[in-house]
Structure formats: C-alpha cells, structure tokens
C-alpha cells in the first residue's frame, strides 16, 4: 500500500493524542497541530484513516481512533523515554516508508459513507479551534 507523508503525521497524532489507547478526532487534530504546527485537511484525515485502517495500523471504535499492531508497538517502544517530536515523526515515516518531506497529496475520492465523514472532520476542527481560542484567551488575561 502506498502511503502519503500526511499518513505518518496522522498516525503519529493518533498515538500521541490517546497515548496509544485511542483518541477522539478533535484530539487527533489537536495533536497533529502540536506535532507539525498545521491542521490536517479533511482529505488528509479521511484518506489517511482509510489507508491506515486498511493496513491494520489503526482501528475505529466508537468514533475513536486507536493504534494497533506494529504502530502501537512502535509508539510504546518510542515512548519508554522522552524523545523529540521530530524523532517520533521520523520513526512513523520509516514505518510507512514515506519520504520525510511533505508533498502535496492528490485529492482522493473517499467513499462518502466511510468514517470520518466530511461533517465529522469539520466538527472536530471547529471543536479544536474553539478549544485553542479559549486557551489563548485565558493566557491573555
């Protein structure tokens, strides 16, 4: 299976957001922003989830993304001690055999019925951005 660089970023975010146990989509969006200082696009999330599930790296249970298999083992092995974010990201890039430089991904057609839906991604992004705005507002007081 051919993965995109953003799939490694997404998988890293899934692991980081839930500590390897599972995370909501909004938590994954937040973790991805923390990792790469950018928000994943709906296409990156929907296509990435489909590829990662098909490859057995992630499962979806009760609208939570959970790492599994070699991805979960990698996360557990890497987090036995503190490591830099870029070191973690590089490990996920190697796992998925993708280049370490992000490249624009072609827009993909993801089955409309697949999870997460476009609406779920938009809701998760709005939830994260509202949380971030509230945090910034509290810091300014």
Protein backbone atom coordinates (compact mmCIF):
# COMPACT_ATOMS: atom_id res chain seq x y z
CA UNK A 1 0.00 0.00 0.00
CA UNK A 2 1.29 3.45 -0.89
CA UNK A 3 1.13 5.87 2.00
CA UNK A 4 1.39 9.66 1.94
CA UNK A 5 3.62 11.69 4.25
CA UNK A 6 0.48 13.02 5.92
CA UNK A 7 -0.45 9.42 6.85
CA UNK A 8 2.67 9.22 9.05
CA UNK A 9 1.74 12.58 10.59
CA UNK A 10 -1.83 11.33 11.19
CA UNK A 11 -0.63 8.04 12.71
CA UNK A 12 1.77 9.91 14.98
CA UNK A 13 -1.10 12.19 16.05
CA UNK A 14 -3.41 9.23 16.73
CA UNK A 15 -0.78 7.69 19.01
CA UNK A 16 0.12 10.97 20.72
CA UNK A 17 -3.47 12.09 21.26
CA UNK A 18 -4.55 8.93 23.03
CA UNK A 19 -1.27 7.79 24.49
CA UNK A 20 -1.66 4.65 22.41
CA UNK A 21 -5.13 3.91 23.81
CA UNK A 22 -7.44 5.76 21.44
CA UNK A 23 -8.49 9.32 20.81
CA UNK A 24 -11.33 11.42 19.50
CA UNK A 25 -10.97 13.05 16.14
CA UNK A 26 -10.73 16.51 17.75
CA UNK A 27 -7.87 15.28 19.95
CA UNK A 28 -6.10 13.88 16.90
CA UNK A 29 -6.48 17.22 15.08
CA UNK A 30 -5.03 18.98 18.14
CA UNK A 31 -2.10 16.56 18.38
CA UNK A 32 -1.38 16.93 14.65
CA UNK A 33 -1.23 20.71 15.06
CA UNK A 34 1.14 20.30 18.01
CA UNK A 35 3.37 17.94 16.01
CA UNK A 36 3.53 19.89 12.76
CA UNK A 37 2.13 23.36 13.56
CA UNK A 38 -0.59 22.87 10.96
CA UNK A 39 -4.07 21.39 10.77
CA UNK A 40 -4.65 18.26 8.70
CA UNK A 41 -7.06 18.77 5.81
CA UNK A 42 -10.28 16.79 5.54
CA UNK A 43 -8.78 14.90 2.59
CA UNK A 44 -5.65 14.03 4.58
CA UNK A 45 -7.73 12.79 7.51
CA UNK A 46 -10.33 10.84 5.54
CA UNK A 47 -7.86 9.30 3.10
CA UNK A 48 -5.31 8.65 5.84
CA UNK A 49 -7.82 6.93 8.12
CA UNK A 50 -8.93 4.71 5.22
CA UNK A 51 -5.34 3.73 4.36
CA UNK A 52 -4.24 3.23 7.97
CA UNK A 53 -7.30 1.08 8.77
CA UNK A 54 -6.83 -0.98 5.60
CA UNK A 55 -3.17 -1.59 6.53
CA UNK A 56 -4.06 -2.62 10.08
CA UNK A 57 -2.29 0.29 11.80
CA UNK A 58 -5.47 1.88 13.20
CA UNK A 59 -8.95 0.77 14.22
CA UNK A 60 -12.05 2.88 14.70
CA UNK A 61 -14.12 2.03 17.77
CA UNK A 62 -16.99 4.20 18.99
CA UNK A 63 -15.69 7.11 16.88
CA UNK A 64 -12.25 6.89 18.45
CA UNK A 65 -9.09 6.14 16.55
CA UNK A 66 -6.87 3.51 18.18
CA UNK A 67 -3.40 2.46 17.04
CA UNK A 68 -2.78 -1.26 16.75
CA UNK A 69 -0.24 -3.81 15.63
CA UNK A 70 3.23 -2.60 14.72
CA UNK A 71 2.16 1.05 15.02
CA UNK A 72 1.13 0.56 18.65
CA UNK A 73 4.31 -1.40 19.38
CA UNK A 74 6.40 1.35 17.80
CA UNK A 75 4.65 4.00 19.91
CA UNK A 76 5.17 2.02 23.11
CA UNK A 77 8.83 1.36 22.29
CA UNK A 78 9.49 5.00 21.42
CA UNK A 79 7.80 6.46 24.47
CA UNK A 80 9.66 4.47 27.12
CA UNK A 81 11.77 7.62 27.46
CA UNK A 82 11.40 11.23 26.34
CA UNK A 83 12.12 11.86 22.68
CA UNK A 84 11.92 14.87 20.42
CA UNK A 85 8.81 15.22 18.27
CA UNK A 86 10.82 15.12 15.05
CA UNK A 87 12.44 11.84 16.14
CA UNK A 88 9.00 10.34 16.71
CA UNK A 89 7.75 11.67 13.36
CA UNK A 90 10.73 10.19 11.53
CA UNK A 91 10.01 6.79 13.10
CA UNK A 92 6.43 6.86 11.79
CA UNK A 93 7.68 7.95 8.34
CA UNK A 94 10.04 4.96 8.31
CA UNK A 95 7.26 2.61 9.43
CA UNK A 96 5.10 3.69 6.50
CA UNK A 97 8.09 4.02 4.13
CA UNK A 98 7.34 7.61 3.09
CA UNK A 99 9.70 10.47 2.27
CA UNK A 100 10.42 12.77 5.17
CA UNK A 101 9.46 15.87 3.18
CA UNK A 102 5.75 16.64 2.97
CA UNK A 103 4.47 16.80 -0.57
CA UNK A 104 1.08 17.89 -1.81
CA UNK A 105 -1.21 14.89 -1.99
CA UNK A 106 -3.58 14.47 -4.88
CA UNK A 107 -7.17 14.89 -3.85
CA UNK A 108 -8.63 11.46 -3.35
CA UNK A 109 -12.15 10.23 -3.54
CA UNK A 110 -13.10 8.58 -0.28
CA UNK A 111 -16.39 6.71 -0.09
CA UNK A 112 -18.97 9.15 1.35
CA UNK A 113 -20.16 6.57 3.87
CA UNK A 114 -16.68 5.97 5.32
CA UNK A 115 -15.77 7.34 8.75
CA UNK A 116 -14.96 10.06 9.40
CA UNK A 117 -17.42 11.94 7.24
CA UNK A 118 -16.67 15.41 5.93
CA UNK A 119 -19.06 16.77 8.58
CA UNK A 120 -17.27 14.86 11.37
CA UNK A 121 -13.91 16.28 10.27
CA UNK A 122 -15.32 19.81 10.12
CA UNK A 123 -16.87 19.38 13.58
CA UNK A 124 -13.58 18.08 15.00
CA UNK A 125 -11.64 21.01 13.52
CA UNK A 126 -14.18 23.51 14.87
CA UNK A 127 -14.02 21.86 18.32
CA UNK A 128 -10.23 22.01 18.34
CA UNK A 129 -10.10 25.61 17.12
CA UNK A 130 -12.64 26.65 19.79
CA UNK A 131 -10.53 24.95 22.48
CA UNK A 132 -7.39 26.65 21.16
CA UNK A 133 -9.08 30.07 21.04
CA UNK A 134 -10.31 29.65 24.62
CA UNK A 135 -6.81 28.68 25.77
CA UNK A 136 -5.28 31.72 24.07
CA UNK A 137 -7.97 33.95 25.57
CA UNK A 138 -7.23 32.62 29.09
CA UNK A 139 -3.49 33.22 28.64
CA UNK A 140 -4.09 36.87 27.68
CA UNK A 141 -5.97 37.64 30.89
